[in-house]
N, C-alpha and C. Protein backbone atom coordinates (compact mmCIF):
# COMPACT_ATOMS: atom_id res chain seq x y z
N MET A 1 -36.14 41.98 58.22
CA MET A 1 -36.53 42.50 56.91
C MET A 1 -36.93 43.96 57.04
N LEU A 2 -36.67 44.70 55.98
CA LEU A 2 -37.01 46.12 55.95
C LEU A 2 -37.98 46.38 54.80
N ALA A 3 -39.03 47.14 55.08
CA ALA A 3 -40.00 47.49 54.04
C ALA A 3 -40.31 48.97 54.13
N ASP A 4 -39.84 49.72 53.16
CA ASP A 4 -40.08 51.17 53.11
C ASP A 4 -39.87 51.60 51.67
N ASP A 5 -40.73 52.50 51.17
CA ASP A 5 -40.58 52.92 49.79
C ASP A 5 -39.44 53.92 49.59
N SER A 6 -38.81 54.36 50.66
CA SER A 6 -37.65 55.24 50.56
C SER A 6 -36.38 54.40 50.52
N THR A 7 -35.76 54.35 49.34
CA THR A 7 -34.52 53.58 49.20
C THR A 7 -33.44 54.10 50.12
N LEU A 8 -33.37 55.42 50.26
CA LEU A 8 -32.35 56.03 51.11
C LEU A 8 -32.51 55.59 52.56
N LEU A 9 -33.75 55.59 53.04
CA LEU A 9 -34.00 55.17 54.42
C LEU A 9 -33.67 53.69 54.60
N ARG A 10 -34.09 52.87 53.65
CA ARG A 10 -33.80 51.43 53.76
C ARG A 10 -32.30 51.18 53.82
N GLU A 11 -31.56 51.83 52.94
CA GLU A 11 -30.12 51.62 52.92
C GLU A 11 -29.48 52.10 54.22
N GLY A 12 -29.96 53.22 54.74
CA GLY A 12 -29.43 53.72 56.00
C GLY A 12 -29.70 52.77 57.15
N LEU A 13 -30.93 52.26 57.23
CA LEU A 13 -31.27 51.31 58.28
C LEU A 13 -30.47 50.02 58.13
N ALA A 14 -30.32 49.56 56.90
CA ALA A 14 -29.59 48.32 56.66
C ALA A 14 -28.14 48.44 57.16
N ARG A 15 -27.51 49.57 56.87
CA ARG A 15 -26.13 49.76 57.32
C ARG A 15 -26.05 49.86 58.84
N LEU A 16 -27.00 50.59 59.42
CA LEU A 16 -27.04 50.74 60.88
C LEU A 16 -27.20 49.38 61.56
N LEU A 17 -28.15 48.59 61.08
CA LEU A 17 -28.42 47.31 61.70
C LEU A 17 -27.28 46.32 61.47
N ALA A 18 -26.67 46.38 60.30
CA ALA A 18 -25.52 45.51 60.03
C ALA A 18 -24.38 45.84 60.98
N ASP A 19 -24.15 47.14 61.22
CA ASP A 19 -23.10 47.56 62.15
C ASP A 19 -23.38 47.05 63.56
N GLU A 20 -24.67 46.85 63.89
CA GLU A 20 -25.04 46.37 65.22
C GLU A 20 -25.10 44.85 65.30
N GLY A 21 -24.73 44.18 64.20
CA GLY A 21 -24.67 42.73 64.22
C GLY A 21 -25.90 42.01 63.73
N HIS A 22 -26.87 42.76 63.17
CA HIS A 22 -28.09 42.14 62.64
C HIS A 22 -27.89 41.74 61.17
N ALA A 23 -28.55 40.68 60.76
CA ALA A 23 -28.52 40.25 59.36
C ALA A 23 -29.80 40.70 58.67
N ILE A 24 -29.68 41.40 57.55
CA ILE A 24 -30.83 41.86 56.79
C ILE A 24 -31.16 40.80 55.75
N THR A 25 -32.31 40.14 55.90
CA THR A 25 -32.65 39.05 54.99
C THR A 25 -33.36 39.54 53.73
N ALA A 26 -33.96 40.73 53.80
CA ALA A 26 -34.60 41.32 52.62
C ALA A 26 -34.82 42.80 52.87
N SER A 27 -34.79 43.59 51.80
CA SER A 27 -35.06 45.02 51.87
C SER A 27 -35.91 45.36 50.66
N VAL A 28 -37.17 45.73 50.90
CA VAL A 28 -38.13 45.89 49.80
C VAL A 28 -38.85 47.23 49.90
N GLY A 29 -39.50 47.60 48.78
CA GLY A 29 -40.12 48.91 48.70
C GLY A 29 -41.63 48.92 48.69
N ASP A 30 -42.27 47.75 48.80
CA ASP A 30 -43.73 47.74 48.84
C ASP A 30 -44.21 46.55 49.66
N ALA A 31 -45.49 46.59 50.04
CA ALA A 31 -46.04 45.59 50.95
C ALA A 31 -46.11 44.20 50.33
N GLN A 32 -46.45 44.11 49.05
CA GLN A 32 -46.55 42.81 48.42
C GLN A 32 -45.19 42.11 48.36
N ALA A 33 -44.16 42.88 48.05
CA ALA A 33 -42.82 42.31 48.04
C ALA A 33 -42.42 41.84 49.43
N LEU A 34 -42.85 42.57 50.45
CA LEU A 34 -42.58 42.17 51.83
C LEU A 34 -43.23 40.83 52.13
N LEU A 35 -44.52 40.70 51.83
CA LEU A 35 -45.23 39.45 52.12
C LEU A 35 -44.61 38.27 51.37
N THR A 36 -44.19 38.51 50.15
CA THR A 36 -43.54 37.45 49.37
C THR A 36 -42.24 37.02 50.03
N ALA A 37 -41.47 38.00 50.49
CA ALA A 37 -40.18 37.70 51.12
C ALA A 37 -40.38 36.97 52.45
N VAL A 38 -41.38 37.40 53.22
CA VAL A 38 -41.64 36.74 54.50
C VAL A 38 -42.08 35.30 54.28
N ALA A 39 -42.90 35.07 53.27
CA ALA A 39 -43.36 33.72 52.98
C ALA A 39 -42.19 32.80 52.62
N GLU A 40 -41.19 33.35 51.95
CA GLU A 40 -40.04 32.55 51.54
C GLU A 40 -39.11 32.26 52.71
N GLU A 41 -38.93 33.24 53.59
CA GLU A 41 -38.02 33.08 54.74
C GLU A 41 -38.46 34.02 55.85
N PRO A 42 -39.35 33.56 56.75
CA PRO A 42 -39.84 34.43 57.83
C PRO A 42 -38.69 34.96 58.68
N PRO A 43 -38.59 36.26 58.86
CA PRO A 43 -37.51 36.83 59.65
C PRO A 43 -37.87 36.86 61.14
N ASP A 44 -36.91 37.20 61.97
CA ASP A 44 -37.20 37.41 63.39
C ASP A 44 -38.05 38.67 63.57
N ILE A 45 -37.72 39.71 62.82
CA ILE A 45 -38.42 41.00 62.92
C ILE A 45 -38.57 41.61 61.54
N ALA A 46 -39.72 42.23 61.31
CA ALA A 46 -39.93 43.03 60.10
C ALA A 46 -40.15 44.48 60.51
N VAL A 47 -39.36 45.38 59.95
CA VAL A 47 -39.52 46.82 60.18
C VAL A 47 -40.28 47.38 58.99
N ILE A 48 -41.46 47.95 59.24
CA ILE A 48 -42.40 48.23 58.16
C ILE A 48 -42.90 49.67 58.21
N ASP A 49 -42.87 50.34 57.06
CA ASP A 49 -43.49 51.66 56.93
C ASP A 49 -45.00 51.47 56.75
N VAL A 50 -45.79 52.49 57.04
CA VAL A 50 -47.25 52.40 56.89
C VAL A 50 -47.68 52.64 55.45
N ARG A 51 -47.22 53.72 54.87
CA ARG A 51 -47.69 54.14 53.55
C ARG A 51 -46.69 53.76 52.47
N MET A 52 -47.10 52.81 51.63
CA MET A 52 -46.24 52.32 50.55
C MET A 52 -47.07 52.14 49.28
N PRO A 53 -46.42 51.89 48.15
CA PRO A 53 -47.15 51.68 46.90
C PRO A 53 -48.10 50.49 47.01
N PRO A 54 -49.20 50.51 46.23
CA PRO A 54 -49.48 51.48 45.15
C PRO A 54 -50.28 52.71 45.60
N THR A 55 -51.02 52.64 46.70
CA THR A 55 -51.89 53.77 47.05
C THR A 55 -51.28 54.70 48.08
N HIS A 56 -50.20 54.28 48.73
CA HIS A 56 -49.55 55.10 49.76
C HIS A 56 -50.52 55.50 50.87
N THR A 57 -51.32 54.54 51.32
CA THR A 57 -52.26 54.82 52.42
C THR A 57 -51.94 53.95 53.64
N ASP A 58 -52.34 52.68 53.58
CA ASP A 58 -52.19 51.83 54.75
C ASP A 58 -51.64 50.44 54.42
N GLU A 59 -50.98 50.32 53.27
CA GLU A 59 -50.50 49.01 52.82
C GLU A 59 -49.59 48.34 53.86
N GLY A 60 -48.72 49.14 54.47
CA GLY A 60 -47.77 48.57 55.41
C GLY A 60 -48.43 47.96 56.63
N LEU A 61 -49.41 48.66 57.19
CA LEU A 61 -50.10 48.13 58.38
C LEU A 61 -50.92 46.90 58.04
N ARG A 62 -51.54 46.90 56.87
CA ARG A 62 -52.30 45.71 56.48
C ARG A 62 -51.36 44.52 56.28
N ALA A 63 -50.17 44.78 55.76
CA ALA A 63 -49.18 43.72 55.63
C ALA A 63 -48.72 43.23 57.01
N ALA A 64 -48.57 44.17 57.95
CA ALA A 64 -48.18 43.81 59.31
C ALA A 64 -49.22 42.89 59.94
N LEU A 65 -50.50 43.19 59.73
CA LEU A 65 -51.57 42.34 60.24
C LEU A 65 -51.51 40.95 59.62
N GLU A 66 -51.23 40.90 58.34
CA GLU A 66 -51.13 39.61 57.65
C GLU A 66 -49.96 38.79 58.20
N ILE A 67 -48.85 39.47 58.47
CA ILE A 67 -47.68 38.78 59.01
C ILE A 67 -47.98 38.23 60.39
N ARG A 68 -48.63 39.02 61.23
CA ARG A 68 -48.94 38.56 62.58
C ARG A 68 -49.92 37.39 62.55
N LYS A 69 -50.77 37.36 61.55
CA LYS A 69 -51.73 36.27 61.43
C LYS A 69 -51.09 34.99 60.92
N GLU A 70 -50.28 35.11 59.87
CA GLU A 70 -49.72 33.94 59.21
C GLU A 70 -48.39 33.49 59.80
N TRP A 71 -47.60 34.44 60.32
CA TRP A 71 -46.29 34.11 60.88
C TRP A 71 -46.15 34.78 62.25
N PRO A 72 -46.88 34.29 63.26
CA PRO A 72 -46.93 34.95 64.57
C PRO A 72 -45.59 35.01 65.29
N GLU A 73 -44.62 34.20 64.89
CA GLU A 73 -43.32 34.24 65.54
C GLU A 73 -42.47 35.42 65.05
N THR A 74 -42.89 36.05 63.98
CA THR A 74 -42.17 37.21 63.45
C THR A 74 -42.63 38.48 64.16
N GLY A 75 -41.69 39.18 64.79
CA GLY A 75 -42.01 40.45 65.41
C GLY A 75 -42.23 41.52 64.36
N VAL A 76 -43.05 42.51 64.68
CA VAL A 76 -43.36 43.59 63.74
C VAL A 76 -43.11 44.93 64.42
N LEU A 77 -42.23 45.73 63.82
CA LEU A 77 -41.98 47.09 64.30
C LEU A 77 -42.38 48.06 63.20
N VAL A 78 -43.48 48.76 63.39
CA VAL A 78 -43.94 49.75 62.43
C VAL A 78 -43.15 51.03 62.66
N LEU A 79 -42.59 51.57 61.59
CA LEU A 79 -41.79 52.79 61.65
C LEU A 79 -42.34 53.75 60.59
N SER A 80 -43.03 54.79 61.03
CA SER A 80 -43.74 55.63 60.08
C SER A 80 -43.80 57.08 60.56
N GLN A 81 -44.22 57.94 59.66
CA GLN A 81 -44.50 59.33 60.03
C GLN A 81 -45.93 59.51 60.50
N TYR A 82 -46.74 58.49 60.34
CA TYR A 82 -48.17 58.63 60.55
C TYR A 82 -48.71 57.60 61.54
N VAL A 83 -49.78 57.97 62.24
CA VAL A 83 -50.54 57.03 63.07
C VAL A 83 -51.81 56.70 62.31
N GLU A 84 -51.86 55.52 61.75
CA GLU A 84 -53.06 55.08 61.02
C GLU A 84 -53.92 54.34 62.05
N ARG A 85 -54.93 55.03 62.56
CA ARG A 85 -55.59 54.57 63.79
C ARG A 85 -56.32 53.25 63.65
N ARG A 86 -57.07 53.08 62.57
CA ARG A 86 -57.89 51.88 62.47
C ARG A 86 -57.06 50.62 62.53
N TYR A 87 -56.07 50.51 61.64
CA TYR A 87 -55.29 49.29 61.59
C TYR A 87 -54.29 49.20 62.73
N ALA A 88 -53.86 50.35 63.27
CA ALA A 88 -52.98 50.31 64.44
C ALA A 88 -53.70 49.67 65.62
N THR A 89 -54.95 50.05 65.83
CA THR A 89 -55.74 49.46 66.90
C THR A 89 -55.98 47.99 66.65
N GLU A 90 -56.26 47.62 65.41
CA GLU A 90 -56.47 46.22 65.08
C GLU A 90 -55.20 45.41 65.31
N LEU A 91 -54.05 45.99 64.98
CA LEU A 91 -52.79 45.30 65.21
C LEU A 91 -52.60 45.01 66.69
N LEU A 92 -52.97 45.98 67.52
CA LEU A 92 -52.83 45.82 68.97
C LEU A 92 -53.80 44.79 69.52
N THR A 93 -54.98 44.70 68.95
CA THR A 93 -55.98 43.81 69.50
C THR A 93 -55.87 42.38 68.96
N THR A 94 -55.01 42.17 67.97
CA THR A 94 -54.81 40.81 67.44
C THR A 94 -53.44 40.26 67.78
N ALA A 95 -52.59 41.07 68.40
CA ALA A 95 -51.25 40.62 68.77
C ALA A 95 -50.88 41.22 70.11
N THR A 96 -50.45 40.38 71.05
CA THR A 96 -50.17 40.87 72.39
C THR A 96 -48.68 40.87 72.73
N GLU A 97 -47.83 40.50 71.80
CA GLU A 97 -46.41 40.51 72.06
C GLU A 97 -45.65 40.62 70.74
N GLY A 98 -44.43 41.13 70.83
CA GLY A 98 -43.61 41.25 69.63
C GLY A 98 -44.11 42.27 68.64
N VAL A 99 -44.65 43.40 69.15
CA VAL A 99 -45.20 44.43 68.28
C VAL A 99 -44.72 45.80 68.76
N GLY A 100 -44.41 46.69 67.82
CA GLY A 100 -44.02 48.04 68.16
C GLY A 100 -44.50 49.03 67.12
N TYR A 101 -44.56 50.30 67.50
CA TYR A 101 -44.98 51.36 66.57
C TYR A 101 -44.23 52.63 66.97
N LEU A 102 -43.31 53.06 66.12
CA LEU A 102 -42.54 54.27 66.35
C LEU A 102 -42.83 55.29 65.26
N LEU A 103 -42.72 56.56 65.61
CA LEU A 103 -42.85 57.64 64.64
C LEU A 103 -41.46 58.13 64.25
N LYS A 104 -41.20 58.14 62.94
CA LYS A 104 -39.87 58.47 62.44
C LYS A 104 -39.36 59.80 62.98
N ASP A 105 -40.20 60.82 62.94
CA ASP A 105 -39.76 62.16 63.31
C ASP A 105 -39.47 62.29 64.80
N ARG A 106 -39.93 61.32 65.60
CA ARG A 106 -39.75 61.42 67.05
C ARG A 106 -38.63 60.51 67.56
N VAL A 107 -38.00 59.76 66.66
CA VAL A 107 -36.85 58.95 67.06
C VAL A 107 -35.61 59.85 66.93
N VAL A 108 -35.21 60.45 68.05
CA VAL A 108 -34.12 61.44 68.01
C VAL A 108 -32.78 60.82 68.35
N GLN A 109 -32.78 59.61 68.90
CA GLN A 109 -31.55 58.91 69.22
C GLN A 109 -31.57 57.52 68.59
N VAL A 110 -30.46 57.14 67.99
CA VAL A 110 -30.38 55.81 67.39
C VAL A 110 -30.66 54.74 68.43
N ASP A 111 -30.19 54.96 69.65
CA ASP A 111 -30.38 53.97 70.71
C ASP A 111 -31.86 53.72 70.99
N GLU A 112 -32.71 54.73 70.80
CA GLU A 112 -34.15 54.55 71.01
C GLU A 112 -34.69 53.51 70.03
N PHE A 113 -34.28 53.63 68.78
CA PHE A 113 -34.73 52.68 67.77
C PHE A 113 -34.19 51.28 68.06
N LEU A 114 -32.92 51.19 68.40
CA LEU A 114 -32.31 49.89 68.67
C LEU A 114 -32.94 49.24 69.90
N ASP A 115 -33.25 50.05 70.91
CA ASP A 115 -33.89 49.51 72.10
C ASP A 115 -35.27 48.96 71.77
N ALA A 116 -36.04 49.71 70.97
CA ALA A 116 -37.37 49.24 70.56
C ALA A 116 -37.26 47.96 69.76
N LEU A 117 -36.27 47.89 68.89
CA LEU A 117 -36.07 46.69 68.08
C LEU A 117 -35.78 45.48 68.96
N GLU A 118 -34.93 45.67 69.96
CA GLU A 118 -34.60 44.57 70.87
C GLU A 118 -35.82 44.13 71.67
N ARG A 119 -36.63 45.09 72.10
CA ARG A 119 -37.81 44.75 72.89
C ARG A 119 -38.81 43.95 72.05
N VAL A 120 -39.03 44.39 70.82
CA VAL A 120 -39.94 43.67 69.94
C VAL A 120 -39.39 42.28 69.63
N GLY A 121 -38.10 42.20 69.40
CA GLY A 121 -37.48 40.92 69.09
C GLY A 121 -37.54 39.93 70.23
N SER A 122 -37.62 40.43 71.46
CA SER A 122 -37.69 39.55 72.63
C SER A 122 -39.13 39.27 73.05
N GLY A 123 -40.10 39.68 72.20
CA GLY A 123 -41.49 39.38 72.50
C GLY A 123 -42.20 40.42 73.33
N GLN A 124 -41.58 41.58 73.53
CA GLN A 124 -42.22 42.66 74.27
C GLN A 124 -42.87 43.64 73.29
N THR A 125 -43.36 44.75 73.82
CA THR A 125 -43.95 45.78 72.97
C THR A 125 -43.16 47.08 73.10
N ALA A 126 -43.27 47.93 72.10
CA ALA A 126 -42.56 49.22 72.11
C ALA A 126 -43.40 50.22 71.33
N PHE A 127 -44.00 51.17 72.05
CA PHE A 127 -44.88 52.14 71.40
C PHE A 127 -44.48 53.56 71.76
N ASP A 128 -44.39 54.40 70.74
CA ASP A 128 -44.15 55.81 70.96
C ASP A 128 -45.30 56.40 71.77
N PRO A 129 -45.01 57.22 72.78
CA PRO A 129 -46.08 57.82 73.57
C PRO A 129 -47.10 58.59 72.74
N GLU A 130 -46.66 59.19 71.64
CA GLU A 130 -47.59 59.94 70.79
C GLU A 130 -48.56 59.00 70.09
N VAL A 131 -48.10 57.81 69.72
CA VAL A 131 -49.00 56.81 69.14
C VAL A 131 -50.07 56.44 70.16
N VAL A 132 -49.62 56.19 71.39
CA VAL A 132 -50.56 55.85 72.46
C VAL A 132 -51.56 56.98 72.66
N ARG A 133 -51.07 58.23 72.68
CA ARG A 133 -51.95 59.37 72.91
C ARG A 133 -53.02 59.48 71.83
N GLN A 134 -52.62 59.30 70.57
CA GLN A 134 -53.58 59.44 69.48
C GLN A 134 -54.60 58.29 69.48
N LEU A 135 -54.15 57.10 69.82
CA LEU A 135 -55.10 55.99 69.91
C LEU A 135 -56.04 56.18 71.10
N LEU A 136 -55.53 56.75 72.17
CA LEU A 136 -56.36 57.01 73.34
C LEU A 136 -57.45 58.02 73.03
N THR A 137 -57.15 58.98 72.15
CA THR A 137 -58.14 60.00 71.79
C THR A 137 -59.42 59.36 71.26
N LEU A 138 -59.25 58.25 70.55
CA LEU A 138 -60.42 57.56 70.01
C LEU A 138 -61.30 56.96 71.10
N SER A 139 -60.67 56.56 72.20
CA SER A 139 -61.42 55.81 73.20
C SER A 139 -61.61 56.57 74.50
N SER A 140 -61.39 57.89 74.48
CA SER A 140 -61.49 58.66 75.71
C SER A 140 -62.91 58.71 76.27
N HIS A 141 -63.89 58.35 75.40
CA HIS A 141 -65.27 58.36 75.87
C HIS A 141 -65.65 57.09 76.60
N THR A 142 -64.76 56.10 76.61
CA THR A 142 -65.10 54.79 77.15
C THR A 142 -65.28 54.87 78.67
N ASP A 143 -66.42 54.43 79.18
CA ASP A 143 -66.75 54.56 80.59
C ASP A 143 -65.73 53.95 81.54
N PRO A 144 -65.28 52.67 81.34
CA PRO A 144 -64.32 52.11 82.29
C PRO A 144 -63.05 52.93 82.43
N LEU A 145 -62.58 53.50 81.36
CA LEU A 145 -61.37 54.31 81.43
C LEU A 145 -61.59 55.59 82.23
N GLN A 146 -62.81 56.09 82.22
CA GLN A 146 -63.09 57.32 82.94
C GLN A 146 -63.02 57.12 84.46
N ARG A 147 -63.02 55.87 84.89
CA ARG A 147 -62.92 55.58 86.32
C ARG A 147 -61.50 55.76 86.84
N LEU A 148 -60.54 55.77 85.94
CA LEU A 148 -59.14 55.84 86.36
C LEU A 148 -58.76 57.26 86.77
N THR A 149 -57.90 57.35 87.79
CA THR A 149 -57.34 58.63 88.17
C THR A 149 -56.29 59.05 87.13
N ALA A 150 -55.86 60.30 87.22
CA ALA A 150 -54.85 60.79 86.29
C ALA A 150 -53.56 59.97 86.39
N ARG A 151 -53.17 59.63 87.62
CA ARG A 151 -51.95 58.85 87.80
C ARG A 151 -52.12 57.42 87.26
N GLU A 152 -53.28 56.84 87.48
CA GLU A 152 -53.54 55.49 86.96
C GLU A 152 -53.52 55.48 85.44
N ARG A 153 -54.06 56.51 84.82
CA ARG A 153 -54.03 56.60 83.36
C ARG A 153 -52.59 56.77 82.87
N GLU A 154 -51.79 57.50 83.65
CA GLU A 154 -50.39 57.68 83.29
C GLU A 154 -49.64 56.35 83.37
N VAL A 155 -49.90 55.58 84.42
CA VAL A 155 -49.28 54.27 84.56
C VAL A 155 -49.72 53.35 83.43
N LEU A 156 -51.01 53.36 83.12
CA LEU A 156 -51.52 52.51 82.04
C LEU A 156 -50.92 52.92 80.70
N GLY A 157 -50.72 54.21 80.52
CA GLY A 157 -50.06 54.67 79.29
C GLY A 157 -48.65 54.14 79.17
N LYS A 158 -47.93 54.12 80.28
CA LYS A 158 -46.57 53.56 80.28
C LYS A 158 -46.62 52.06 79.99
N MET A 159 -47.61 51.37 80.55
CA MET A 159 -47.78 49.94 80.26
C MET A 159 -48.01 49.73 78.76
N ALA A 160 -48.83 50.62 78.17
CA ALA A 160 -49.15 50.50 76.75
C ALA A 160 -47.92 50.72 75.88
N GLN A 161 -46.95 51.49 76.38
CA GLN A 161 -45.71 51.69 75.63
C GLN A 161 -44.78 50.50 75.75
N GLY A 162 -45.10 49.56 76.64
CA GLY A 162 -44.30 48.35 76.77
C GLY A 162 -43.33 48.35 77.93
N HIS A 163 -43.43 49.32 78.84
CA HIS A 163 -42.48 49.40 79.95
C HIS A 163 -42.82 48.43 81.07
N THR A 164 -41.80 47.93 81.74
CA THR A 164 -41.98 47.05 82.89
C THR A 164 -42.35 47.90 84.12
N ASN A 165 -42.76 47.22 85.20
CA ASN A 165 -43.08 47.93 86.44
C ASN A 165 -41.88 48.72 86.95
N ALA A 166 -40.70 48.10 86.88
CA ALA A 166 -39.50 48.78 87.36
C ALA A 166 -39.20 50.03 86.54
N ALA A 167 -39.36 49.92 85.22
CA ALA A 167 -39.11 51.08 84.36
C ALA A 167 -40.12 52.19 84.62
N ILE A 168 -41.38 51.82 84.83
CA ILE A 168 -42.42 52.81 85.12
C ILE A 168 -42.10 53.53 86.43
N ALA A 169 -41.67 52.77 87.44
CA ALA A 169 -41.33 53.37 88.73
C ALA A 169 -40.22 54.40 88.56
N GLY A 170 -39.21 54.05 87.78
CA GLY A 170 -38.11 54.97 87.56
C GLY A 170 -38.52 56.23 86.83
N GLN A 171 -39.39 56.09 85.83
CA GLN A 171 -39.82 57.24 85.04
C GLN A 171 -40.75 58.17 85.82
N LEU A 172 -41.55 57.60 86.73
CA LEU A 172 -42.50 58.41 87.49
C LEU A 172 -41.97 58.80 88.87
N TYR A 173 -40.75 58.36 89.19
CA TYR A 173 -40.12 58.66 90.48
C TYR A 173 -40.96 58.19 91.66
N VAL A 174 -41.46 56.98 91.56
CA VAL A 174 -42.18 56.36 92.66
C VAL A 174 -41.61 54.97 92.88
N SER A 175 -42.00 54.32 93.97
CA SER A 175 -41.50 52.98 94.25
C SER A 175 -42.18 51.96 93.35
N GLN A 176 -41.53 50.80 93.20
CA GLN A 176 -42.13 49.76 92.39
C GLN A 176 -43.40 49.22 93.04
N SER A 177 -43.44 49.20 94.37
CA SER A 177 -44.65 48.74 95.06
C SER A 177 -45.81 49.70 94.80
N ALA A 178 -45.50 51.00 94.67
CA ALA A 178 -46.55 51.97 94.36
C ALA A 178 -47.11 51.71 92.97
N VAL A 179 -46.22 51.41 92.03
CA VAL A 179 -46.67 51.08 90.67
C VAL A 179 -47.56 49.86 90.69
N GLU A 180 -47.17 48.85 91.46
CA GLU A 180 -47.98 47.63 91.55
C GLU A 180 -49.36 47.93 92.11
N LYS A 181 -49.44 48.84 93.07
CA LYS A 181 -50.74 49.23 93.63
C LYS A 181 -51.59 49.93 92.57
N TYR A 182 -50.98 50.81 91.81
CA TYR A 182 -51.71 51.50 90.75
C TYR A 182 -52.24 50.48 89.74
N ILE A 183 -51.40 49.52 89.38
CA ILE A 183 -51.80 48.52 88.38
C ILE A 183 -52.94 47.66 88.92
N ASN A 184 -52.87 47.28 90.17
CA ASN A 184 -53.97 46.50 90.75
C ASN A 184 -55.28 47.30 90.76
N ALA A 185 -55.16 48.62 91.04
CA ALA A 185 -56.35 49.47 90.99
C ALA A 185 -56.91 49.55 89.57
N ILE A 186 -56.01 49.60 88.58
CA ILE A 186 -56.44 49.63 87.18
C ILE A 186 -57.19 48.35 86.84
N PHE A 187 -56.64 47.20 87.26
CA PHE A 187 -57.31 45.92 87.01
C PHE A 187 -58.71 45.91 87.62
N ASP A 188 -58.82 46.43 88.85
CA ASP A 188 -60.11 46.46 89.52
C ASP A 188 -61.11 47.32 88.75
N LYS A 189 -60.68 48.51 88.37
CA LYS A 189 -61.59 49.47 87.73
C LYS A 189 -61.97 49.04 86.31
N LEU A 190 -61.09 48.27 85.67
CA LEU A 190 -61.41 47.76 84.34
C LEU A 190 -62.06 46.37 84.40
N GLU A 191 -62.35 45.95 85.64
CA GLU A 191 -63.05 44.68 85.89
C GLU A 191 -62.28 43.50 85.31
N LEU A 192 -60.98 43.49 85.59
CA LEU A 192 -60.12 42.41 85.13
C LEU A 192 -59.62 41.55 86.30
N THR A 193 -60.26 41.67 87.46
CA THR A 193 -59.78 40.98 88.65
C THR A 193 -59.95 39.48 88.56
N GLY A 194 -60.88 38.99 87.73
CA GLY A 194 -61.11 37.55 87.66
C GLY A 194 -60.27 36.84 86.64
N THR A 195 -59.43 37.59 85.91
CA THR A 195 -58.62 36.98 84.85
C THR A 195 -57.41 36.27 85.46
N THR A 196 -57.15 35.09 85.01
CA THR A 196 -56.04 34.31 85.55
C THR A 196 -54.71 34.79 84.97
N GLY A 197 -53.75 35.03 85.87
CA GLY A 197 -52.40 35.37 85.40
C GLY A 197 -52.19 36.86 85.27
N GLY A 198 -51.16 37.39 85.95
CA GLY A 198 -50.91 38.83 85.92
C GLY A 198 -50.60 39.34 84.54
N TYR A 199 -49.84 38.56 83.75
CA TYR A 199 -49.46 39.04 82.43
C TYR A 199 -50.68 39.18 81.53
N SER A 200 -51.60 38.19 81.58
CA SER A 200 -52.77 38.26 80.72
C SER A 200 -53.64 39.45 81.10
N ARG A 201 -53.75 39.73 82.39
CA ARG A 201 -54.52 40.91 82.81
C ARG A 201 -53.85 42.19 82.32
N ARG A 202 -52.54 42.22 82.33
CA ARG A 202 -51.81 43.39 81.86
C ARG A 202 -52.09 43.63 80.38
N VAL A 203 -52.04 42.56 79.60
CA VAL A 203 -52.32 42.67 78.18
C VAL A 203 -53.75 43.15 77.94
N LEU A 204 -54.69 42.57 78.65
CA LEU A 204 -56.09 42.96 78.48
C LEU A 204 -56.31 44.42 78.87
N ALA A 205 -55.63 44.88 79.91
CA ALA A 205 -55.76 46.28 80.32
C ALA A 205 -55.26 47.21 79.23
N VAL A 206 -54.12 46.86 78.63
CA VAL A 206 -53.57 47.70 77.56
C VAL A 206 -54.48 47.70 76.35
N LEU A 207 -55.01 46.53 76.00
CA LEU A 207 -55.91 46.46 74.85
C LEU A 207 -57.19 47.23 75.11
N ARG A 208 -57.69 47.19 76.34
CA ARG A 208 -58.88 47.97 76.68
C ARG A 208 -58.58 49.46 76.53
N TYR A 209 -57.38 49.82 76.95
CA TYR A 209 -56.94 51.23 76.90
C TYR A 209 -56.87 51.73 75.46
N LEU A 210 -56.34 50.89 74.56
CA LEU A 210 -56.08 51.33 73.19
C LEU A 210 -57.22 51.04 72.24
N GLY A 211 -57.97 49.96 72.48
CA GLY A 211 -58.88 49.52 71.44
C GLY A 211 -60.34 49.46 71.78
N SER A 212 -60.72 49.84 73.00
CA SER A 212 -62.13 49.69 73.37
C SER A 212 -62.99 50.76 72.70
């Protein structure tokens, strides 16, 4: 499903996604219409703008939160020009998979959008680095995060964007074992060593990074 008050953008995305083999189950211009459509037929993924009628403030993100609460199997990819910090952080702290947030002006390649869509659809996360940076600004005073080295914060930032260990290693030009060591150090410094399961610790580390 597509939700954006720009008809031109919706039509463009619909054609792009149809060409890639996706079925568009609904294309709407406001958050209430989106929620109504999702209730009738929950989609695999909803692509949602942040600012839509009637107030053009945060309707889209509030709708995304409602979707994640009522229909958790539906992935949510926020596509906006803005980082709405309060609800973006809440979205991250109430959903640990199948969530993404991209900035329209920073998607310079169609493949970037399609890749993010596939990651969200498969239950992963996909976050623009600028979204991560702005959310981090809110929590830079948090003591546990201050324990991290510059490289550890860089690795955690990549984790927050939804990258795997192998992808992080490739982007930072280090070995995968080095990335694993950095991540273990992050777990230690954020006091997550007693949490059962590597994936759950990874999620908690990212949430601490973005929402503490």
